[in-house]
């Protein structure tokens, strides 16, 4: 999932991706925690509940759909993992302007302690909405991720 995030950010925000590489920041240094903890450490509990509610509503298997003709076969069994990658990409690109002005140590500190304490449900809804936009653009078009 970390590799998919890296590919996705390279396509969505090439300038940010290049800056992170120029600063020798590996995605594993911040994104592993995002993937492993499902962003639990990045947001308040009420916002995590909102995010995870969206994750749980994501298609998780054939038992959830009455008409399988409406389901892409590549989606079966993926659960919410793909959406989580797009949420992480949305989160990273949200801070793009600030991140572009930082050096390695500032990047690490910022990405491990995101300034989301003042976020409200509207901010989370915007983050999720952007993630769905990215998913609709790139999920079933992997050629869009190739450089």
C-alpha atoms as a PDB file:
ATOM      1  CA  UNK A   1       0.000   0.000   0.000  1.00  0.00           C
ATOM      2  CA  UNK A   2       2.906   2.349   0.675  1.00  0.00           C
ATOM      3  CA  UNK A   3       4.223   1.726  -2.844  1.00  0.00           C
ATOM      4  CA  UNK A   4       0.769   2.442  -4.309  1.00  0.00           C
ATOM      5  CA  UNK A   5       0.661   5.693  -2.352  1.00  0.00           C
ATOM      6  CA  UNK A   6       4.059   6.685  -3.723  1.00  0.00           C
ATOM      7  CA  UNK A   7       2.952   5.941  -7.310  1.00  0.00           C
ATOM      8  CA  UNK A   8      -0.283   7.815  -6.807  1.00  0.00           C
ATOM      9  CA  UNK A   9       1.374  10.929  -5.385  1.00  0.00           C
ATOM     10  CA  UNK A  10       3.878  10.889  -8.263  1.00  0.00           C
ATOM     11  CA  UNK A  11       0.957  11.130 -10.666  1.00  0.00           C
ATOM     12  CA  UNK A  12      -1.243  13.536  -8.707  1.00  0.00           C
ATOM     13  CA  UNK A  13       1.435  15.969  -7.521  1.00  0.00           C
ATOM     14  CA  UNK A  14       4.713  15.392  -9.359  1.00  0.00           C
ATOM     15  CA  UNK A  15       6.309  18.465  -7.786  1.00  0.00           C
ATOM     16  CA  UNK A  16       5.625  17.209  -4.264  1.00  0.00           C
ATOM     17  CA  UNK A  17       6.818  13.709  -5.158  1.00  0.00           C
ATOM     18  CA  UNK A  18      10.055  15.106  -6.597  1.00  0.00           C
ATOM     19  CA  UNK A  19      10.598  17.283  -3.522  1.00  0.00           C
ATOM     20  CA  UNK A  20      10.184  14.328  -1.172  1.00  0.00           C
ATOM     21  CA  UNK A  21      12.690  12.354  -3.253  1.00  0.00           C
ATOM     22  CA  UNK A  22      15.100  15.308  -3.405  1.00  0.00           C
ATOM     23  CA  UNK A  23      14.982  15.505   0.396  1.00  0.00           C
ATOM     24  CA  UNK A  24      15.629  11.738   0.591  1.00  0.00           C
ATOM     25  CA  UNK A  25      12.363  11.172   2.419  1.00  0.00           C
ATOM     26  CA  UNK A  26      11.132   7.644   1.875  1.00  0.00           C
ATOM     27  CA  UNK A  27       7.373   7.137   1.936  1.00  0.00           C
ATOM     28  CA  UNK A  28       7.868   4.257   4.374  1.00  0.00           C
ATOM     29  CA  UNK A  29       9.124   6.794   6.941  1.00  0.00           C
ATOM     30  CA  UNK A  30       5.674   8.311   7.376  1.00  0.00           C
ATOM     31  CA  UNK A  31       3.170   6.273   5.386  1.00  0.00           C
ATOM     32  CA  UNK A  32       3.771   2.945   7.123  1.00  0.00           C
ATOM     33  CA  UNK A  33       2.165   4.345  10.267  1.00  0.00           C
ATOM     34  CA  UNK A  34      -0.696   5.785   8.221  1.00  0.00           C
ATOM     35  CA  UNK A  35      -1.326   2.374   6.668  1.00  0.00           C
ATOM     36  CA  UNK A  36      -0.744   0.310   9.794  1.00  0.00           C
ATOM     37  CA  UNK A  37      -2.789   2.479  12.182  1.00  0.00           C
ATOM     38  CA  UNK A  38      -5.439   3.525   9.629  1.00  0.00           C
ATOM     39  CA  UNK A  39      -4.730   7.193  10.466  1.00  0.00           C
ATOM     40  CA  UNK A  40      -5.829   6.692  14.083  1.00  0.00           C
ATOM     41  CA  UNK A  41      -2.903   8.756  15.370  1.00  0.00           C
ATOM     42  CA  UNK A  42      -3.479  11.596  12.906  1.00  0.00           C
ATOM     43  CA  UNK A  43      -7.051  12.580  13.832  1.00  0.00           C
ATOM     44  CA  UNK A  44      -9.339  13.033  16.817  1.00  0.00           C
ATOM     45  CA  UNK A  45     -11.661  10.175  17.718  1.00  0.00           C
ATOM     46  CA  UNK A  46     -14.789  11.804  16.271  1.00  0.00           C
ATOM     47  CA  UNK A  47     -13.053  12.317  12.915  1.00  0.00           C
ATOM     48  CA  UNK A  48     -11.649   8.786  12.956  1.00  0.00           C
ATOM     49  CA  UNK A  49     -15.163   7.456  13.515  1.00  0.00           C
ATOM     50  CA  UNK A  50     -16.339   9.468  10.510  1.00  0.00           C
ATOM     51  CA  UNK A  51     -13.477   8.159   8.363  1.00  0.00           C
ATOM     52  CA  UNK A  52     -13.817   4.558   9.492  1.00  0.00           C
ATOM     53  CA  UNK A  53     -17.581   4.702   8.932  1.00  0.00           C
ATOM     54  CA  UNK A  54     -16.777   5.506   5.308  1.00  0.00           C
ATOM     55  CA  UNK A  55     -14.264   2.657   5.192  1.00  0.00           C
ATOM     56  CA  UNK A  56     -16.795   0.197   6.592  1.00  0.00           C
ATOM     57  CA  UNK A  57     -19.334   1.335   4.026  1.00  0.00           C
ATOM     58  CA  UNK A  58     -16.891   0.499   1.209  1.00  0.00           C
ATOM     59  CA  UNK A  59     -17.619  -2.668  -0.721  1.00  0.00           C
ATOM     60  CA  UNK A  60     -16.027  -5.592   1.071  1.00  0.00           C
ATOM     61  CA  UNK A  61     -17.241  -8.719  -0.674  1.00  0.00           C
ATOM     62  CA  UNK A  62     -19.908 -10.296  -2.815  1.00  0.00           C
ATOM     63  CA  UNK A  63     -22.225 -10.834   0.160  1.00  0.00           C
ATOM     64  CA  UNK A  64     -22.745  -7.059   0.285  1.00  0.00           C
ATOM     65  CA  UNK A  65     -24.096  -6.696  -3.249  1.00  0.00           C
ATOM     66  CA  UNK A  66     -27.355  -8.102  -4.561  1.00  0.00           C
ATOM     67  CA  UNK A  67     -26.524  -7.549  -8.243  1.00  0.00           C
ATOM     68  CA  UNK A  68     -22.981  -8.748  -8.992  1.00  0.00           C
ATOM     69  CA  UNK A  69     -23.194  -7.302 -12.514  1.00  0.00           C
ATOM     70  CA  UNK A  70     -22.693  -3.898 -10.883  1.00  0.00           C
ATOM     71  CA  UNK A  71     -19.372  -4.926  -9.334  1.00  0.00           C
ATOM     72  CA  UNK A  72     -15.973  -4.799 -10.984  1.00  0.00           C
ATOM     73  CA  UNK A  73     -14.397  -8.246 -10.569  1.00  0.00           C
ATOM     74  CA  UNK A  74     -11.102  -6.610  -9.605  1.00  0.00           C
ATOM     75  CA  UNK A  75     -12.855  -5.045  -6.580  1.00  0.00           C
ATOM     76  CA  UNK A  76     -13.897  -8.336  -5.011  1.00  0.00           C
ATOM     77  CA  UNK A  77     -12.046  -8.921  -1.781  1.00  0.00           C
ATOM     78  CA  UNK A  78     -10.209  -5.585  -1.725  1.00  0.00           C
ATOM     79  CA  UNK A  79     -12.356  -4.138   1.029  1.00  0.00           C
ATOM     80  CA  UNK A  80     -11.522  -0.577   1.969  1.00  0.00           C
ATOM     81  CA  UNK A  81      -7.753  -0.862   1.399  1.00  0.00           C
ATOM     82  CA  UNK A  82      -7.799   0.952  -1.966  1.00  0.00           C
ATOM     83  CA  UNK A  83      -9.861   3.811  -0.533  1.00  0.00           C
ATOM     84  CA  UNK A  84      -7.440   4.122   2.377  1.00  0.00           C
ATOM     85  CA  UNK A  85      -4.555   4.661  -0.059  1.00  0.00           C
ATOM     86  CA  UNK A  86      -6.535   7.407  -1.798  1.00  0.00           C
ATOM     87  CA  UNK A  87      -7.379   9.014   1.555  1.00  0.00           C
ATOM     88  CA  UNK A  88      -3.666   9.026   2.413  1.00  0.00           C
ATOM     89  CA  UNK A  89      -2.880  10.578  -0.973  1.00  0.00           C
ATOM     90  CA  UNK A  90      -5.558  13.192  -0.372  1.00  0.00           C
ATOM     91  CA  UNK A  91      -4.087  13.915   3.057  1.00  0.00           C
ATOM     92  CA  UNK A  92      -0.562  14.276   1.707  1.00  0.00           C
ATOM     93  CA  UNK A  93      -1.547  16.501  -1.215  1.00  0.00           C
ATOM     94  CA  UNK A  94      -3.683  18.628   1.107  1.00  0.00           C
ATOM     95  CA  UNK A  95      -0.453  19.860   2.716  1.00  0.00           C
ATOM     96  CA  UNK A  96       1.504  20.120  -0.541  1.00  0.00           C
ATOM     97  CA  UNK A  97       2.286  23.860  -0.391  1.00  0.00           C
ATOM     98  CA  UNK A  98       3.632  23.636   3.142  1.00  0.00           C
ATOM     99  CA  UNK A  99       5.594  20.450   2.439  1.00  0.00           C
ATOM    100  CA  UNK A 100       7.313  21.964  -0.590  1.00  0.00           C
ATOM    101  CA  UNK A 101       8.915  24.580   1.670  1.00  0.00           C
ATOM    102  CA  UNK A 102      10.352  22.057   4.153  1.00  0.00           C
ATOM    103  CA  UNK A 103      13.652  20.250   4.403  1.00  0.00           C
ATOM    104  CA  UNK A 104      14.063  16.608   5.466  1.00  0.00           C
ATOM    105  CA  UNK A 105      13.847  17.088   9.222  1.00  0.00           C
ATOM    106  CA  UNK A 106      10.893  19.468   8.937  1.00  0.00           C
ATOM    107  CA  UNK A 107       9.123  17.028   6.623  1.00  0.00           C
ATOM    108  CA  UNK A 108       9.567  14.138   9.038  1.00  0.00           C
ATOM    109  CA  UNK A 109       8.379  16.175  12.023  1.00  0.00           C
ATOM    110  CA  UNK A 110       5.401  17.567  10.120  1.00  0.00           C
ATOM    111  CA  UNK A 111       4.274  14.254   8.627  1.00  0.00           C
ATOM    112  CA  UNK A 112       4.565  12.474  11.960  1.00  0.00           C
ATOM    113  CA  UNK A 113       2.573  15.177  13.737  1.00  0.00           C
ATOM    114  CA  UNK A 114       0.072  16.577  11.257  1.00  0.00           C
ATOM    115  CA  UNK A 115      -1.682  19.779  12.383  1.00  0.00           C
ATOM    116  CA  UNK A 116      -5.160  18.269  12.311  1.00  0.00           C
ATOM    117  CA  UNK A 117      -6.187  19.062  15.894  1.00  0.00           C
ATOM    118  CA  UNK A 118      -8.328  21.947  14.639  1.00  0.00           C
ATOM    119  CA  UNK A 119     -10.059  19.898  11.968  1.00  0.00           C
ATOM    120  CA  UNK A 120     -13.823  19.485  12.015  1.00  0.00           C
ATOM    121  CA  UNK A 121     -16.167  17.075  10.273  1.00  0.00           C
ATOM    122  CA  UNK A 122     -16.285  19.360   7.216  1.00  0.00           C
ATOM    123  CA  UNK A 123     -12.515  19.035   6.803  1.00  0.00           C
ATOM    124  CA  UNK A 124     -12.783  15.253   7.022  1.00  0.00           C
ATOM    125  CA  UNK A 125     -15.650  15.230   4.521  1.00  0.00           C
ATOM    126  CA  UNK A 126     -13.511  17.258   2.094  1.00  0.00           C
ATOM    127  CA  UNK A 127     -10.588  14.866   2.575  1.00  0.00           C
ATOM    128  CA  UNK A 128     -12.804  11.853   1.893  1.00  0.00           C
ATOM    129  CA  UNK A 129     -14.419  13.568  -1.096  1.00  0.00           C
ATOM    130  CA  UNK A 130     -11.018  14.274  -2.630  1.00  0.00           C
ATOM    131  CA  UNK A 131     -10.041  10.653  -2.017  1.00  0.00           C
ATOM    132  CA  UNK A 132     -13.112   9.502  -3.947  1.00  0.00           C
ATOM    133  CA  UNK A 133     -12.194  11.864  -6.794  1.00  0.00           C
ATOM    134  CA  UNK A 134      -8.704  10.350  -6.938  1.00  0.00           C
ATOM    135  CA  UNK A 135     -10.164   6.852  -6.766  1.00  0.00           C
ATOM    136  CA  UNK A 136     -12.572   7.542  -9.615  1.00  0.00           C
ATOM    137  CA  UNK A 137      -9.710   8.883 -11.742  1.00  0.00           C
ATOM    138  CA  UNK A 138      -7.043   6.281 -11.049  1.00  0.00           C
ATOM    139  CA  UNK A 139      -8.379   3.074  -9.494  1.00  0.00           C
ATOM    140  CA  UNK A 140      -9.606   1.331 -12.640  1.00  0.00           C
ATOM    141  CA  UNK A 141      -7.087   3.019 -14.897  1.00  0.00           C
ATOM    142  CA  UNK A 142      -3.698   1.785 -13.665  1.00  0.00           C
ATOM    143  CA  UNK A 143      -2.090   3.119 -16.843  1.00  0.00           C
ATOM    144  CA  UNK A 144      -2.643   6.577 -15.407  1.00  0.00           C
ATOM    145  CA  UNK A 145      -0.174   5.687 -12.667  1.00  0.00           C
ATOM    146  CA  UNK A 146       2.644   4.769 -15.030  1.00  0.00           C
ATOM    147  CA  UNK A 147       5.299   7.410 -15.526  1.00  0.00           C
END
